[in-house]
Amino acid sequence: MPTAGAALPHCGVFPNCVNSESAYQDRNIDPIKASRSQWQHLKERLSQHKDWILVLESGEYLHYEATTPLMRFTDDVLLRYDHDNTLIHVRSSSRLGIGDMGANRTRVEWLRQLTEAGR
């Protein structure tokens, strides 16, 4: 578990992960711009989602297990709120398979839309 202000864990060697704190362009995705109220709104929305289970919450760090709708795979989503820069850093990774067919990027964009709806 990352400590306060620590970066999210790096993605592994397979292309089945995206991370807003990755230096590797093929794994990088933009963080989500969010005020504190938008961060709270996102947490509330995810707590109501039947396919998302909160595994760990520690300060501004959240670890979810997200189940994919079609194949019912369990993936890991890590979120870290950076209040100084009003950003949510995100890491979304598949547990199985070498690739993810874009599922993790799609998931992060869905999170971005949920966050923007909390304005």
N, C-alpha and C. Protein backbone atom coordinates (compact mmCIF):
# COMPACT_ATOMS: atom_id res chain seq x y z
N MET A 1 0.84 -1.18 0.00
CA MET A 1 0.00 0.00 0.00
C MET A 1 0.89 1.24 0.00
N PRO A 2 0.62 2.18 -0.93
CA PRO A 2 1.39 3.41 -0.94
C PRO A 2 1.16 4.22 0.34
N THR A 3 2.19 4.91 0.76
CA THR A 3 2.04 5.82 1.89
C THR A 3 1.55 7.16 1.38
N ALA A 4 1.17 8.06 2.27
CA ALA A 4 0.65 9.36 1.89
C ALA A 4 1.59 10.05 0.92
N GLY A 5 1.05 10.45 -0.22
CA GLY A 5 1.82 11.16 -1.22
C GLY A 5 2.69 10.28 -2.10
N ALA A 6 2.80 8.99 -1.81
CA ALA A 6 3.64 8.09 -2.60
C ALA A 6 2.96 7.76 -3.92
N ALA A 7 3.76 7.52 -4.94
CA ALA A 7 3.24 7.17 -6.25
C ALA A 7 2.60 5.79 -6.22
N LEU A 8 1.69 5.57 -7.13
CA LEU A 8 1.06 4.26 -7.27
C LEU A 8 2.09 3.27 -7.81
N PRO A 9 1.89 1.97 -7.54
CA PRO A 9 2.84 0.97 -8.05
C PRO A 9 2.92 0.98 -9.57
N HIS A 10 4.08 0.67 -10.09
CA HIS A 10 4.28 0.62 -11.54
C HIS A 10 3.48 -0.53 -12.14
N CYS A 11 3.20 -0.43 -13.43
CA CYS A 11 2.58 -1.53 -14.16
C CYS A 11 3.64 -2.61 -14.38
N GLY A 12 3.19 -3.83 -14.59
CA GLY A 12 4.11 -4.93 -14.85
C GLY A 12 4.61 -4.91 -16.30
N VAL A 13 5.14 -6.01 -16.73
CA VAL A 13 5.74 -6.09 -18.07
C VAL A 13 4.70 -6.27 -19.18
N PHE A 14 3.52 -6.76 -18.85
CA PHE A 14 2.49 -6.99 -19.87
C PHE A 14 1.67 -5.73 -20.11
N PRO A 15 1.16 -5.56 -21.34
CA PRO A 15 0.36 -4.37 -21.67
C PRO A 15 -1.10 -4.50 -21.23
N ASN A 16 -1.29 -4.79 -19.95
CA ASN A 16 -2.65 -4.94 -19.42
C ASN A 16 -2.90 -4.00 -18.25
N CYS A 17 -2.28 -2.81 -18.33
CA CYS A 17 -2.34 -1.87 -17.22
C CYS A 17 -2.12 -0.46 -17.75
N VAL A 18 -2.80 0.50 -17.13
CA VAL A 18 -2.52 1.92 -17.35
C VAL A 18 -2.30 2.58 -16.01
N ASN A 19 -1.49 3.63 -16.00
CA ASN A 19 -1.13 4.28 -14.74
C ASN A 19 -0.83 5.75 -15.04
N SER A 20 -1.51 6.64 -14.35
CA SER A 20 -1.31 8.07 -14.57
C SER A 20 0.05 8.54 -14.08
N GLU A 21 0.77 7.71 -13.34
CA GLU A 21 2.10 8.08 -12.85
C GLU A 21 3.19 7.28 -13.55
N SER A 22 2.87 6.66 -14.67
CA SER A 22 3.84 5.87 -15.41
C SER A 22 4.67 6.76 -16.32
N ALA A 23 5.94 6.47 -16.42
CA ALA A 23 6.83 7.19 -17.33
C ALA A 23 6.80 6.56 -18.72
N TYR A 24 6.22 5.39 -18.84
CA TYR A 24 6.17 4.70 -20.13
C TYR A 24 4.93 5.14 -20.90
N GLN A 25 5.14 5.69 -22.08
CA GLN A 25 4.05 6.30 -22.84
C GLN A 25 2.93 5.31 -23.14
N ASP A 26 3.26 4.05 -23.40
CA ASP A 26 2.20 3.09 -23.73
C ASP A 26 1.37 2.70 -22.52
N ARG A 27 1.83 2.99 -21.33
CA ARG A 27 1.09 2.67 -20.10
C ARG A 27 0.51 3.91 -19.44
N ASN A 28 0.92 5.09 -19.90
CA ASN A 28 0.51 6.33 -19.26
C ASN A 28 -0.90 6.74 -19.67
N ILE A 29 -1.61 7.34 -18.73
CA ILE A 29 -2.91 7.93 -18.99
C ILE A 29 -2.98 9.19 -18.13
N ASP A 30 -3.68 10.19 -18.60
CA ASP A 30 -3.78 11.44 -17.84
C ASP A 30 -4.50 11.21 -16.52
N PRO A 31 -4.03 11.87 -15.45
CA PRO A 31 -4.77 11.82 -14.19
C PRO A 31 -6.11 12.53 -14.36
N ILE A 32 -6.98 12.35 -13.41
CA ILE A 32 -8.31 12.94 -13.45
C ILE A 32 -8.31 14.22 -12.62
N LYS A 33 -8.67 15.33 -13.23
CA LYS A 33 -8.78 16.61 -12.52
C LYS A 33 -10.01 16.56 -11.63
N ALA A 34 -9.83 16.86 -10.33
CA ALA A 34 -10.96 16.74 -9.41
C ALA A 34 -10.78 17.60 -8.17
N SER A 35 -11.82 18.31 -7.83
CA SER A 35 -11.85 19.04 -6.56
C SER A 35 -12.08 18.03 -5.43
N ARG A 36 -11.96 18.47 -4.21
CA ARG A 36 -12.23 17.59 -3.08
C ARG A 36 -13.67 17.08 -3.12
N SER A 37 -14.63 17.93 -3.45
CA SER A 37 -16.03 17.49 -3.51
C SER A 37 -16.24 16.49 -4.65
N GLN A 38 -15.55 16.66 -5.76
CA GLN A 38 -15.66 15.68 -6.84
C GLN A 38 -15.05 14.34 -6.43
N TRP A 39 -13.96 14.37 -5.68
CA TRP A 39 -13.35 13.15 -5.15
C TRP A 39 -14.35 12.43 -4.25
N GLN A 40 -15.01 13.17 -3.36
CA GLN A 40 -16.01 12.57 -2.47
C GLN A 40 -17.19 12.01 -3.27
N HIS A 41 -17.61 12.76 -4.28
CA HIS A 41 -18.71 12.30 -5.14
C HIS A 41 -18.34 10.99 -5.84
N LEU A 42 -17.12 10.90 -6.36
CA LEU A 42 -16.67 9.69 -7.03
C LEU A 42 -16.68 8.51 -6.06
N LYS A 43 -16.17 8.71 -4.87
CA LYS A 43 -16.16 7.64 -3.87
C LYS A 43 -17.58 7.17 -3.56
N GLU A 44 -18.50 8.10 -3.44
CA GLU A 44 -19.90 7.76 -3.17
C GLU A 44 -20.50 6.96 -4.32
N ARG A 45 -20.26 7.40 -5.54
CA ARG A 45 -20.80 6.68 -6.71
C ARG A 45 -20.23 5.27 -6.80
N LEU A 46 -18.93 5.11 -6.55
CA LEU A 46 -18.32 3.78 -6.64
C LEU A 46 -18.83 2.87 -5.52
N SER A 47 -19.14 3.43 -4.36
CA SER A 47 -19.66 2.61 -3.26
C SER A 47 -21.03 2.03 -3.59
N GLN A 48 -21.73 2.64 -4.53
CA GLN A 48 -23.06 2.18 -4.93
C GLN A 48 -23.02 1.23 -6.13
N HIS A 49 -21.86 1.07 -6.72
CA HIS A 49 -21.74 0.25 -7.93
C HIS A 49 -21.58 -1.23 -7.54
N LYS A 50 -22.45 -2.07 -8.03
CA LYS A 50 -22.48 -3.47 -7.62
C LYS A 50 -21.23 -4.25 -8.06
N ASP A 51 -20.54 -3.79 -9.09
CA ASP A 51 -19.37 -4.52 -9.59
C ASP A 51 -18.04 -3.96 -9.09
N TRP A 52 -18.09 -3.04 -8.12
CA TRP A 52 -16.89 -2.47 -7.54
C TRP A 52 -16.89 -2.73 -6.04
N ILE A 53 -15.82 -3.36 -5.56
CA ILE A 53 -15.69 -3.66 -4.13
C ILE A 53 -14.48 -2.92 -3.59
N LEU A 54 -14.71 -2.13 -2.55
CA LEU A 54 -13.60 -1.42 -1.90
C LEU A 54 -12.83 -2.42 -1.04
N VAL A 55 -11.57 -2.63 -1.40
CA VAL A 55 -10.72 -3.57 -0.69
C VAL A 55 -9.96 -2.86 0.43
N LEU A 56 -9.53 -1.63 0.16
CA LEU A 56 -8.72 -0.91 1.13
C LEU A 56 -8.91 0.59 0.95
N GLU A 57 -9.07 1.28 2.05
CA GLU A 57 -9.08 2.74 2.06
C GLU A 57 -8.12 3.19 3.14
N SER A 58 -7.17 4.02 2.75
CA SER A 58 -6.19 4.54 3.69
C SER A 58 -5.90 5.99 3.32
N GLY A 59 -6.49 6.90 4.07
CA GLY A 59 -6.32 8.32 3.76
C GLY A 59 -6.89 8.63 2.39
N GLU A 60 -6.03 9.12 1.51
CA GLU A 60 -6.46 9.49 0.16
C GLU A 60 -6.19 8.39 -0.86
N TYR A 61 -5.98 7.18 -0.39
CA TYR A 61 -5.68 6.03 -1.24
C TYR A 61 -6.82 5.02 -1.17
N LEU A 62 -7.27 4.56 -2.35
CA LEU A 62 -8.33 3.56 -2.43
C LEU A 62 -7.89 2.42 -3.34
N HIS A 63 -8.24 1.20 -2.96
CA HIS A 63 -8.01 0.02 -3.80
C HIS A 63 -9.35 -0.66 -3.98
N TYR A 64 -9.76 -0.79 -5.24
CA TYR A 64 -11.00 -1.46 -5.59
C TYR A 64 -10.71 -2.72 -6.40
N GLU A 65 -11.60 -3.68 -6.27
CA GLU A 65 -11.67 -4.80 -7.20
C GLU A 65 -12.89 -4.53 -8.06
N ALA A 66 -12.65 -4.42 -9.36
CA ALA A 66 -13.73 -4.14 -10.31
C ALA A 66 -13.96 -5.39 -11.15
N THR A 67 -15.20 -5.80 -11.26
CA THR A 67 -15.55 -6.97 -12.06
C THR A 67 -16.03 -6.51 -13.42
N THR A 68 -15.45 -7.09 -14.48
CA THR A 68 -15.84 -6.70 -15.84
C THR A 68 -17.24 -7.20 -16.14
N PRO A 69 -18.01 -6.42 -16.89
CA PRO A 69 -19.42 -6.77 -17.11
C PRO A 69 -19.63 -8.08 -17.89
N LEU A 70 -18.90 -8.28 -18.96
CA LEU A 70 -19.18 -9.42 -19.83
C LEU A 70 -18.55 -10.73 -19.35
N MET A 71 -17.25 -10.73 -19.17
CA MET A 71 -16.54 -11.97 -18.83
C MET A 71 -16.40 -12.19 -17.32
N ARG A 72 -16.76 -11.18 -16.51
CA ARG A 72 -16.72 -11.26 -15.04
C ARG A 72 -15.31 -11.46 -14.49
N PHE A 73 -14.31 -10.89 -15.19
CA PHE A 73 -12.94 -10.91 -14.68
C PHE A 73 -12.82 -9.89 -13.55
N THR A 74 -11.96 -10.16 -12.59
CA THR A 74 -11.69 -9.21 -11.51
C THR A 74 -10.40 -8.46 -11.84
N ASP A 75 -10.50 -7.14 -11.87
CA ASP A 75 -9.36 -6.26 -12.13
C ASP A 75 -9.12 -5.38 -10.91
N ASP A 76 -7.94 -4.80 -10.83
CA ASP A 76 -7.59 -3.93 -9.71
C ASP A 76 -7.54 -2.48 -10.16
N VAL A 77 -8.16 -1.62 -9.36
CA VAL A 77 -8.15 -0.18 -9.63
C VAL A 77 -7.65 0.51 -8.36
N LEU A 78 -6.58 1.27 -8.51
CA LEU A 78 -6.01 2.03 -7.40
C LEU A 78 -6.19 3.51 -7.69
N LEU A 79 -6.66 4.25 -6.70
CA LEU A 79 -6.88 5.69 -6.83
C LEU A 79 -6.15 6.39 -5.70
N ARG A 80 -5.51 7.51 -6.05
CA ARG A 80 -4.85 8.32 -5.02
C ARG A 80 -5.17 9.78 -5.28
N TYR A 81 -5.80 10.42 -4.31
CA TYR A 81 -6.15 11.82 -4.46
C TYR A 81 -4.98 12.70 -4.04
N ASP A 82 -4.55 13.56 -4.95
CA ASP A 82 -3.48 14.52 -4.72
C ASP A 82 -4.15 15.88 -4.49
N HIS A 83 -4.41 16.20 -3.23
CA HIS A 83 -5.16 17.43 -2.92
C HIS A 83 -4.38 18.69 -3.27
N ASP A 84 -3.04 18.65 -3.23
CA ASP A 84 -2.25 19.84 -3.57
C ASP A 84 -2.44 20.24 -5.03
N ASN A 85 -2.60 19.26 -5.91
CA ASN A 85 -2.74 19.52 -7.35
C ASN A 85 -4.14 19.24 -7.86
N THR A 86 -5.08 18.93 -6.97
CA THR A 86 -6.47 18.58 -7.30
C THR A 86 -6.53 17.58 -8.47
N LEU A 87 -5.85 16.46 -8.25
CA LEU A 87 -5.81 15.38 -9.24
C LEU A 87 -6.09 14.04 -8.57
N ILE A 88 -6.71 13.16 -9.32
CA ILE A 88 -6.82 11.77 -8.92
C ILE A 88 -5.87 10.98 -9.80
N HIS A 89 -4.87 10.40 -9.19
CA HIS A 89 -3.97 9.50 -9.92
C HIS A 89 -4.61 8.13 -9.91
N VAL A 90 -4.52 7.45 -11.01
CA VAL A 90 -5.22 6.18 -11.15
C VAL A 90 -4.34 5.13 -11.81
N ARG A 91 -4.48 3.91 -11.32
CA ARG A 91 -3.84 2.73 -11.91
C ARG A 91 -4.92 1.68 -12.06
N SER A 92 -5.12 1.21 -13.29
CA SER A 92 -6.11 0.18 -13.55
C SER A 92 -5.39 -0.97 -14.25
N SER A 93 -5.53 -2.17 -13.69
CA SER A 93 -4.79 -3.31 -14.25
C SER A 93 -5.63 -4.58 -14.23
N SER A 94 -5.44 -5.37 -15.27
CA SER A 94 -6.10 -6.67 -15.37
C SER A 94 -5.26 -7.70 -14.63
N ARG A 95 -5.92 -8.59 -13.95
CA ARG A 95 -5.21 -9.66 -13.24
C ARG A 95 -4.83 -10.79 -14.19
N LEU A 96 -5.64 -11.03 -15.19
CA LEU A 96 -5.41 -12.14 -16.11
C LEU A 96 -5.12 -11.62 -17.51
N GLY A 97 -4.35 -12.39 -18.24
CA GLY A 97 -4.10 -12.07 -19.64
C GLY A 97 -2.93 -11.16 -19.86
N ILE A 98 -2.41 -11.24 -21.06
CA ILE A 98 -1.27 -10.41 -21.43
C ILE A 98 -1.74 -9.01 -21.82
N GLY A 99 -2.84 -8.93 -22.54
CA GLY A 99 -3.39 -7.64 -22.95
C GLY A 99 -4.75 -7.43 -22.31
N ASP A 100 -5.33 -6.25 -22.54
CA ASP A 100 -6.63 -5.95 -21.94
C ASP A 100 -7.65 -5.46 -22.95
N MET A 101 -7.26 -5.42 -24.24
CA MET A 101 -8.14 -4.96 -25.32
C MET A 101 -8.70 -3.56 -25.03
N GLY A 102 -7.93 -2.73 -24.36
CA GLY A 102 -8.33 -1.35 -24.07
C GLY A 102 -9.25 -1.18 -22.88
N ALA A 103 -9.53 -2.27 -22.15
CA ALA A 103 -10.49 -2.20 -21.05
C ALA A 103 -10.06 -1.24 -19.95
N ASN A 104 -8.77 -1.20 -19.63
CA ASN A 104 -8.32 -0.32 -18.54
C ASN A 104 -8.40 1.15 -18.92
N ARG A 105 -8.05 1.49 -20.16
CA ARG A 105 -8.20 2.88 -20.60
C ARG A 105 -9.67 3.29 -20.59
N THR A 106 -10.52 2.39 -21.05
CA THR A 106 -11.96 2.66 -21.06
C THR A 106 -12.47 2.88 -19.65
N ARG A 107 -12.01 2.07 -18.70
CA ARG A 107 -12.43 2.20 -17.31
C ARG A 107 -12.02 3.56 -16.75
N VAL A 108 -10.79 3.99 -17.02
CA VAL A 108 -10.33 5.28 -16.51
C VAL A 108 -11.15 6.42 -17.12
N GLU A 109 -11.48 6.32 -18.40
CA GLU A 109 -12.29 7.37 -19.02
C GLU A 109 -13.70 7.38 -18.41
N TRP A 110 -14.23 6.23 -18.04
CA TRP A 110 -15.51 6.16 -17.34
C TRP A 110 -15.41 6.85 -15.98
N LEU A 111 -14.31 6.60 -15.26
CA LEU A 111 -14.09 7.28 -13.97
C LEU A 111 -13.99 8.79 -14.16
N ARG A 112 -13.35 9.20 -15.25
CA ARG A 112 -13.23 10.63 -15.55
C ARG A 112 -14.63 11.24 -15.75
N GLN A 113 -15.49 10.54 -16.48
CA GLN A 113 -16.86 11.02 -16.71
C GLN A 113 -17.65 11.10 -15.40
N LEU A 114 -17.52 10.08 -14.56
CA LEU A 114 -18.19 10.10 -13.25
C LEU A 114 -17.74 11.29 -12.42
N THR A 115 -16.44 11.54 -12.45
CA THR A 115 -15.88 12.66 -11.67
C THR A 115 -16.40 13.99 -12.19
N GLU A 116 -16.41 14.15 -13.50
CA GLU A 116 -16.89 15.41 -14.10
C GLU A 116 -18.36 15.62 -13.82
N ALA A 117 -19.13 14.54 -13.70
CA ALA A 117 -20.56 14.66 -13.39
C ALA A 117 -20.80 15.15 -11.97
N GLY A 118 -19.77 15.08 -11.12
CA GLY A 118 -19.90 15.50 -9.73
C GLY A 118 -19.68 16.97 -9.51
N ARG A 119 -19.66 17.77 -10.56
CA ARG A 119 -19.44 19.22 -10.41
C ARG A 119 -20.65 19.93 -9.89
